[in-house]
Amino acid sequence: TGSCPYCGKRTRLIHQYGKERKVWHRLIGEFRVYLVGRKRRWRCKQCRKVFTEEWPLVRKWSRSSSEAEVEVLRLIRDNSFHRVEEHYGISDKVSRRVLKKAEVLPRWEEEQRDRKVRLGIDEHSFRGRDLVITVTNLKRRKVLAVLPDDRQETLRRFLSQIPGSVKRKIKEVCVDIKPAFITVTEEQLPEADIVIDRFHVVHDANRRVDEARRIEQEATRKPIPKHLFLKAEERLSDKQRQWLDHYLRLYPSLREWYWAKEQLRRIYWAESKEKARELLVSLIRCQEASDDVAMNDWGRMLRRWQEYILNYFNHKTTNAYTEGAHTKMKLIKRMSYGYRNVEVYIKKVLLSFIPITIIPLLIYHTFG
């Protein structure tokens, strides 16, 4: 029987049969399985109107079932679009269409069960200088979302849409040294402690030391090896240490930069937050008393973000998982030789972090 969409009554009266249709249903190995049938046209005895029956798991006018779309998502989860087309005969256009249809919005069920939530916020390159923001759950090691750009308003919109029950549980947010991230986080999550990631602090120090090295190299027109100044002091071999001492004697201006970089690294070895505060304040005073203007700027920057840097010692939280997720995203991007459409890129990388058992929900959730 068919249920009339107009009056809700069921009918057995068949008006006519439609043309034969062939719908792709799923894959067995590299072979396709099709469903072949003819849709019936029903006539309602109550309202005398004619309507067409609906096939389960097949959208109107679709040439594939929802089961087939799940198969496509499973294939492109770990393969590039080109490889899926080459090995399984599924065109790039079909794969992208199915991917755009899937819902990959963040689900907050796990966060609502947790007592405390720790977020990680960082940016990475989508294409050239076009950046996107990654938001992760550091405690559960889970990617929550990839935002389409790095604008302040985009991050504000995302944080404002977090359910209130989850917002109250966010106790810590780890970010890089970007004022926009800190400003928006303080505005949207006022109760959370903001931690500037340890890796980014040391990375910024290495960048400043390398810049001073390049300036000295251009001034003297003599090569100065980069790795000696950027490598951690405790990891230097005896021969490398001798060469480093030689260059520090030869270029006294670099000695101050190298000392400041190593002192900043040693702060993270402190046994407590109070001891780390003493070391950081001492370092900042030395930097601000320097005759080098660039060193003064560095000291003012550390003073400005001092509390956020020291918040690391509350729970030793870092953005290591977020950086690891970026490594996987870059691998996905290289497999496809880059992306032009940011929407396709976001859904492709998020699909790679979703457990394969949840993939059917992405399609059946949007079925209708």
Protein backbone atom coordinates (compact mmCIF):
# COMPACT_ATOMS: atom_id res chain seq x y z
CA THR A 1 0.00 0.00 0.00
CA GLY A 2 0.95 3.64 -0.39
CA SER A 3 0.35 6.50 2.05
CA CYS A 4 -1.21 9.58 0.46
CA PRO A 5 0.88 12.71 1.20
CA TYR A 6 -2.22 14.90 0.85
CA CYS A 7 -4.79 13.28 3.16
CA GLY A 8 -2.71 10.64 4.95
CA LYS A 9 -4.94 7.69 3.94
CA ARG A 10 -3.44 4.44 2.65
CA THR A 11 -4.43 3.05 -0.71
CA ARG A 12 -3.96 -0.13 -2.78
CA LEU A 13 -5.09 1.41 -6.05
CA ILE A 14 -2.17 1.49 -8.55
CA HIS A 15 -2.56 4.21 -11.17
CA GLN A 16 0.46 3.21 -13.32
CA TYR A 17 4.09 1.99 -13.21
CA GLY A 18 6.96 4.33 -13.96
CA LYS A 19 9.95 3.66 -16.16
CA GLU A 20 12.56 1.18 -15.04
CA ARG A 21 15.24 2.79 -12.86
CA LYS A 22 18.71 1.56 -11.96
CA VAL A 23 20.20 2.90 -8.73
CA TRP A 24 23.77 2.28 -7.60
CA HIS A 25 23.57 0.70 -4.14
CA ARG A 26 27.05 -0.32 -2.97
CA LEU A 27 30.45 -1.82 -3.84
CA ILE A 28 31.63 -5.42 -3.49
CA GLY A 29 35.34 -5.21 -4.06
CA GLU A 30 35.66 -3.14 -7.23
CA PHE A 31 32.25 -4.22 -8.58
CA ARG A 32 29.09 -2.16 -8.28
CA VAL A 33 25.75 -3.51 -7.08
CA TYR A 34 22.65 -1.89 -8.55
CA LEU A 35 19.02 -1.87 -7.49
CA VAL A 36 16.66 -2.15 -10.47
CA GLY A 37 12.95 -1.41 -10.18
CA ARG A 38 9.96 0.61 -11.30
CA LYS A 39 8.25 3.15 -9.06
CA ARG A 40 4.49 2.84 -8.70
CA ARG A 41 2.03 5.68 -9.11
CA TRP A 42 -0.78 5.40 -6.59
CA ARG A 43 -4.30 6.88 -6.73
CA CYS A 44 -5.91 7.79 -3.43
CA LYS A 45 -9.48 6.60 -3.07
CA GLN A 46 -10.25 9.31 -0.53
CA CYS A 47 -9.03 12.50 -2.29
CA ARG A 48 -8.63 11.01 -5.80
CA LYS A 49 -5.12 12.49 -6.16
CA VAL A 50 -2.18 10.66 -7.76
CA PHE A 51 1.23 10.40 -6.10
CA THR A 52 4.50 8.49 -6.59
CA GLU A 53 5.89 6.08 -4.00
CA GLU A 54 9.16 6.82 -2.23
CA TRP A 55 11.98 4.28 -2.13
CA PRO A 56 13.76 3.92 1.21
CA LEU A 57 17.39 5.18 1.28
CA VAL A 58 17.04 6.75 -2.19
CA ARG A 59 16.54 10.48 -2.55
CA LYS A 60 14.25 11.87 -5.21
CA TRP A 61 15.90 11.88 -8.66
CA SER A 62 19.06 10.36 -7.15
CA ARG A 63 21.01 7.71 -9.09
CA SER A 64 22.61 6.30 -5.94
CA SER A 65 21.34 5.16 -2.57
CA SER A 66 22.46 6.46 0.80
CA GLU A 67 24.40 3.21 1.27
CA ALA A 68 26.40 4.04 -1.86
CA GLU A 69 27.13 7.53 -0.54
CA VAL A 70 28.43 6.00 2.68
CA GLU A 71 30.73 3.81 0.56
CA VAL A 72 32.04 6.94 -1.21
CA LEU A 73 32.79 8.66 2.11
CA ARG A 74 34.63 5.57 3.36
CA LEU A 75 36.78 5.53 0.23
CA ILE A 76 37.68 9.23 0.17
CA ARG A 77 38.36 9.21 3.91
CA ASP A 78 41.82 7.70 3.38
CA ASN A 79 42.36 8.24 -0.36
CA SER A 80 42.61 11.18 -2.72
CA PHE A 81 39.79 11.94 -5.16
CA HIS A 82 42.05 10.91 -8.05
CA ARG A 83 42.82 7.51 -6.52
CA VAL A 84 39.12 6.80 -5.86
CA GLU A 85 38.33 7.64 -9.48
CA GLU A 86 41.22 5.57 -10.83
CA HIS A 87 40.58 2.39 -8.77
CA TYR A 88 36.81 2.41 -8.24
CA GLY A 89 35.49 4.41 -11.18
CA ILE A 90 33.82 7.03 -8.97
CA SER A 91 34.30 10.39 -10.63
CA ASP A 92 35.81 13.37 -8.88
CA LYS A 93 32.54 15.26 -9.34
CA VAL A 94 30.48 12.54 -7.60
CA SER A 95 32.94 12.31 -4.69
CA ARG A 96 32.88 16.05 -4.10
CA ARG A 97 29.09 16.19 -4.37
CA VAL A 98 28.68 13.46 -1.74
CA LEU A 99 31.30 15.10 0.50
CA LYS A 100 29.56 18.48 0.36
CA LYS A 101 26.29 16.79 1.33
CA ALA A 102 27.71 15.23 4.50
CA GLU A 103 27.24 17.01 7.84
CA VAL A 104 30.55 17.35 9.70
CA LEU A 105 29.47 19.91 12.30
CA PRO A 106 30.96 19.45 15.79
CA ARG A 107 29.00 17.18 18.11
CA TRP A 108 29.20 18.11 21.78
CA GLU A 109 27.84 14.92 23.39
CA GLU A 110 31.21 13.85 24.80
CA GLU A 111 32.04 17.33 26.08
CA GLN A 112 28.70 17.52 27.91
CA ARG A 113 29.62 14.36 29.85
CA ASP A 114 33.07 15.68 30.86
CA ARG A 115 33.70 17.63 34.04
CA LYS A 116 36.37 19.86 32.45
CA VAL A 117 37.10 20.70 28.83
CA ARG A 118 40.39 21.98 27.42
CA LEU A 119 40.41 23.52 23.95
CA GLY A 120 43.28 24.06 21.55
CA ILE A 121 43.14 26.86 18.95
CA ASP A 122 45.75 27.23 16.22
CA GLU A 123 45.97 28.17 12.56
CA HIS A 124 47.54 26.50 9.55
CA SER A 125 47.89 27.20 5.84
CA PHE A 126 45.07 26.12 3.54
CA ARG A 127 46.59 27.51 0.37
CA GLY A 128 49.61 29.79 0.31
CA ARG A 129 48.90 32.66 2.71
CA ASP A 130 45.24 31.72 3.13
CA LEU A 131 44.97 30.42 6.69
CA VAL A 132 42.28 28.41 8.47
CA ILE A 133 41.75 27.87 12.21
CA THR A 134 41.74 24.45 13.85
CA VAL A 135 39.82 23.93 17.11
CA THR A 136 40.52 20.74 19.07
CA ASN A 137 39.54 19.06 22.34
CA LEU A 138 42.95 18.51 23.94
CA LYS A 139 41.69 16.23 26.70
CA ARG A 140 39.89 13.80 24.36
CA ARG A 141 42.40 14.33 21.50
CA LYS A 142 39.65 15.18 19.06
CA VAL A 143 39.37 17.70 16.21
CA LEU A 144 36.19 19.71 16.73
CA ALA A 145 36.20 22.06 13.74
CA VAL A 146 38.24 23.71 11.02
CA LEU A 147 37.09 27.29 10.41
CA PRO A 148 37.18 28.65 6.82
CA ASP A 149 39.54 31.58 7.55
CA ASP A 150 41.60 33.13 10.35
CA ARG A 151 39.48 36.23 10.88
CA GLN A 152 38.62 37.32 14.39
CA GLU A 153 34.89 37.40 13.62
CA THR A 154 34.90 33.80 12.37
CA LEU A 155 36.41 32.52 15.63
CA ARG A 156 34.01 34.69 17.66
CA ARG A 157 31.03 33.22 15.79
CA PHE A 158 32.20 29.65 16.44
CA LEU A 159 32.83 30.17 20.16
CA SER A 160 29.49 31.92 20.59
CA GLN A 161 27.69 28.89 19.10
CA ILE A 162 29.12 26.45 21.67
CA PRO A 163 26.26 25.17 23.89
CA GLY A 164 26.07 26.91 27.25
CA SER A 165 26.40 23.62 29.15
CA VAL A 166 29.75 23.02 27.43
CA LYS A 167 30.95 26.62 27.71
CA ARG A 168 30.76 26.48 31.49
CA LYS A 169 33.02 23.42 31.51
CA ILE A 170 35.80 24.96 29.38
CA LYS A 171 38.51 25.66 31.95
CA GLU A 172 41.56 26.09 29.71
CA VAL A 173 42.28 27.25 26.16
CA CYS A 174 45.72 26.83 24.57
CA VAL A 175 46.55 29.28 21.75
CA ASP A 176 49.56 30.57 19.85
CA ILE A 177 51.01 34.10 20.13
CA LYS A 178 48.23 35.87 18.26
CA PRO A 179 46.46 38.82 19.96
CA ALA A 180 43.21 38.18 18.03
CA PHE A 181 42.87 34.66 19.46
CA ILE A 182 43.47 35.88 23.02
CA THR A 183 41.05 38.81 22.69
CA VAL A 184 38.20 36.68 21.33
CA THR A 185 38.79 33.89 23.86
CA GLU A 186 38.70 36.31 26.79
CA GLU A 187 35.49 37.80 25.42
CA GLN A 188 33.64 34.52 24.76
CA LEU A 189 35.16 32.32 27.51
CA PRO A 190 35.87 34.68 30.42
CA GLU A 191 36.15 31.87 32.99
CA ALA A 192 38.79 29.89 31.06
CA ASP A 193 42.54 30.17 31.64
CA ILE A 194 44.38 31.13 28.45
CA VAL A 195 47.71 29.40 27.88
CA ILE A 196 50.17 30.50 25.20
CA ASP A 197 51.56 27.28 23.78
CA ARG A 198 55.09 26.44 24.89
CA PHE A 199 56.11 25.38 21.38
CA HIS A 200 55.13 28.75 19.90
CA VAL A 201 57.02 30.68 22.58
CA VAL A 202 60.24 28.76 21.87
CA HIS A 203 59.62 28.92 18.12
CA ASP A 204 59.29 32.71 18.33
CA ALA A 205 62.57 32.85 20.28
CA ASN A 206 64.35 30.77 17.62
CA ARG A 207 62.95 33.04 14.89
CA ARG A 208 64.31 36.15 16.64
CA VAL A 209 67.74 34.57 17.19
CA ASP A 210 67.91 33.50 13.55
CA GLU A 211 66.97 37.00 12.41
CA ALA A 212 69.81 38.46 14.49
CA ARG A 213 72.16 35.85 13.00
CA ARG A 214 71.16 36.79 9.44
CA ILE A 215 71.66 40.50 10.14
CA GLU A 216 75.14 39.81 11.49
CA GLN A 217 75.90 37.57 8.52
CA GLU A 218 74.86 40.23 6.01
CA ALA A 219 76.89 42.87 7.85
CA THR A 220 80.10 40.81 7.99
CA ARG A 221 79.50 38.96 4.68
CA LYS A 222 80.73 35.76 6.31
CA PRO A 223 78.67 32.57 6.71
CA ILE A 224 77.35 31.86 10.20
CA PRO A 225 75.82 28.36 10.59
CA LYS A 226 72.16 28.42 11.55
CA HIS A 227 71.81 25.05 13.28
CA LEU A 228 74.34 25.87 16.01
CA PHE A 229 72.21 28.76 17.30
CA LEU A 230 68.81 27.08 16.99
CA LYS A 231 69.68 23.67 18.41
CA ALA A 232 69.03 23.16 22.13
CA GLU A 233 72.19 23.66 24.16
CA GLU A 234 71.97 20.28 25.92
CA ARG A 235 71.73 18.49 22.55
CA LEU A 236 74.96 19.94 21.15
CA SER A 237 77.89 17.57 20.69
CA ASP A 238 81.30 18.50 22.07
CA LYS A 239 82.50 19.57 18.64
CA GLN A 240 79.37 21.64 18.00
CA ARG A 241 79.74 23.30 21.40
CA GLN A 242 83.32 24.29 20.53
CA TRP A 243 82.19 25.81 17.25
CA LEU A 244 79.36 27.64 18.98
CA ASP A 245 81.77 29.14 21.54
CA HIS A 246 84.00 30.20 18.67
CA TYR A 247 81.18 32.07 16.89
CA LEU A 248 79.93 33.64 20.12
CA ARG A 249 83.45 35.02 20.79
CA LEU A 250 83.67 36.18 17.20
CA TYR A 251 80.25 37.90 17.24
CA PRO A 252 79.52 39.28 20.75
CA SER A 253 76.16 40.72 19.62
CA LEU A 254 74.85 37.17 19.08
CA ARG A 255 75.87 36.07 22.59
CA GLU A 256 73.09 38.12 24.17
CA TRP A 257 70.44 36.68 21.83
CA TYR A 258 71.56 33.11 22.34
CA TRP A 259 71.64 33.56 26.12
CA ALA A 260 68.10 35.00 26.15
CA LYS A 261 66.79 32.13 24.02
CA GLU A 262 68.29 29.49 26.31
CA GLN A 263 67.07 31.28 29.44
CA LEU A 264 63.55 31.31 28.03
CA ARG A 265 63.76 27.55 27.38
CA ARG A 266 64.98 26.91 30.95
CA ILE A 267 61.92 28.66 32.37
CA TYR A 268 59.86 25.64 31.29
CA TRP A 269 62.10 23.41 33.41
CA ALA A 270 61.05 25.25 36.59
CA GLU A 271 59.57 23.16 39.41
CA SER A 272 56.73 25.57 40.14
CA LYS A 273 54.88 28.54 38.71
CA GLU A 274 56.43 30.89 41.30
CA LYS A 275 59.96 29.83 40.36
CA ALA A 276 59.13 30.21 36.65
CA ARG A 277 57.76 33.71 37.35
CA GLU A 278 61.04 34.73 39.03
CA LEU A 279 63.08 33.49 36.06
CA LEU A 280 60.81 35.14 33.50
CA VAL A 281 60.77 38.50 35.31
CA SER A 282 64.57 38.41 35.58
CA LEU A 283 64.88 37.65 31.86
CA ILE A 284 62.48 40.47 30.92
CA ARG A 285 64.43 42.99 33.01
CA CYS A 286 67.67 42.01 31.31
CA GLN A 287 66.07 42.33 27.88
CA GLU A 288 64.55 45.73 28.62
CA ALA A 289 67.93 46.98 29.92
CA SER A 290 69.71 45.93 26.72
CA ASP A 291 71.13 48.45 24.23
CA ASP A 292 69.58 46.47 21.35
CA VAL A 293 66.18 47.89 20.34
CA ALA A 294 65.01 44.53 18.96
CA MET A 295 65.88 42.90 22.30
CA ASN A 296 63.83 45.58 24.07
CA ASP A 297 60.84 44.76 21.84
CA TRP A 298 61.18 41.08 22.70
CA GLY A 299 61.20 41.89 26.41
CA ARG A 300 58.07 44.05 26.09
CA MET A 301 56.31 41.26 24.21
CA LEU A 302 57.13 38.76 26.96
CA ARG A 303 55.94 41.20 29.63
CA ARG A 304 52.66 41.73 27.78
CA TRP A 305 51.94 37.97 27.58
CA GLN A 306 53.63 37.05 30.86
CA GLU A 307 50.55 35.70 32.66
CA TYR A 308 49.42 33.65 29.66
CA ILE A 309 52.88 32.11 29.35
CA LEU A 310 52.97 31.24 33.06
CA ASN A 311 49.49 29.65 32.92
CA TYR A 312 51.28 26.69 31.33
CA PHE A 313 52.37 25.64 34.83
CA ASN A 314 48.75 25.23 36.03
CA HIS A 315 48.24 21.92 34.18
CA LYS A 316 51.24 21.73 31.77
CA THR A 317 48.84 22.01 28.83
CA THR A 318 50.29 22.27 25.31
CA ASN A 319 48.92 22.32 21.79
CA ALA A 320 50.91 19.22 20.82
CA TYR A 321 47.82 17.32 19.65
CA THR A 322 46.71 20.25 17.48
CA GLU A 323 50.15 20.41 15.86
CA GLY A 324 49.98 16.67 15.23
CA ALA A 325 46.57 17.11 13.61
CA HIS A 326 48.10 19.78 11.35
CA THR A 327 50.76 17.30 10.25
CA LYS A 328 48.04 14.85 9.17
CA MET A 329 46.11 17.63 7.41
CA LYS A 330 49.21 18.65 5.46
CA LEU A 331 49.68 15.02 4.40
CA ILE A 332 46.06 14.90 3.16
CA LYS A 333 46.64 18.13 1.26
CA ARG A 334 49.80 16.77 -0.39
CA MET A 335 48.02 13.56 -1.44
CA SER A 336 45.64 15.65 -3.55
CA TYR A 337 48.28 18.22 -4.62
CA GLY A 338 46.36 20.95 -2.80
CA TYR A 339 42.77 22.19 -2.82
CA ARG A 340 41.05 25.21 -4.32
CA ASN A 341 37.69 25.00 -2.56
CA VAL A 342 38.02 25.64 1.17
CA GLU A 343 34.67 23.93 1.91
CA VAL A 344 35.83 20.70 0.24
CA TYR A 345 39.18 20.91 2.06
CA ILE A 346 37.56 21.36 5.48
CA LYS A 347 35.15 18.46 5.04
CA LYS A 348 37.90 16.23 3.60
CA VAL A 349 40.26 16.74 6.54
CA LEU A 350 37.49 16.48 9.14
CA LEU A 351 36.32 13.24 7.55
CA SER A 352 39.79 11.78 8.17
CA PHE A 353 39.45 12.37 11.91
CA ILE A 354 35.97 10.81 12.20
CA PRO A 355 35.81 7.12 13.27
CA ILE A 356 34.75 4.96 10.34
CA THR A 357 31.77 3.61 12.33
CA ILE A 358 30.27 7.12 12.55
CA ILE A 359 30.42 7.78 8.79
CA PRO A 360 26.88 6.36 8.09
CA LEU A 361 25.45 8.98 10.48
CA LEU A 362 26.85 11.76 8.27
CA ILE A 363 24.63 10.61 5.39
CA TYR A 364 21.54 9.21 7.16
CA HIS A 365 21.41 12.29 9.40
CA THR A 366 20.83 14.47 6.34
CA PHE A 367 18.54 12.04 4.51
CA GLY A 368 15.24 13.57 3.46
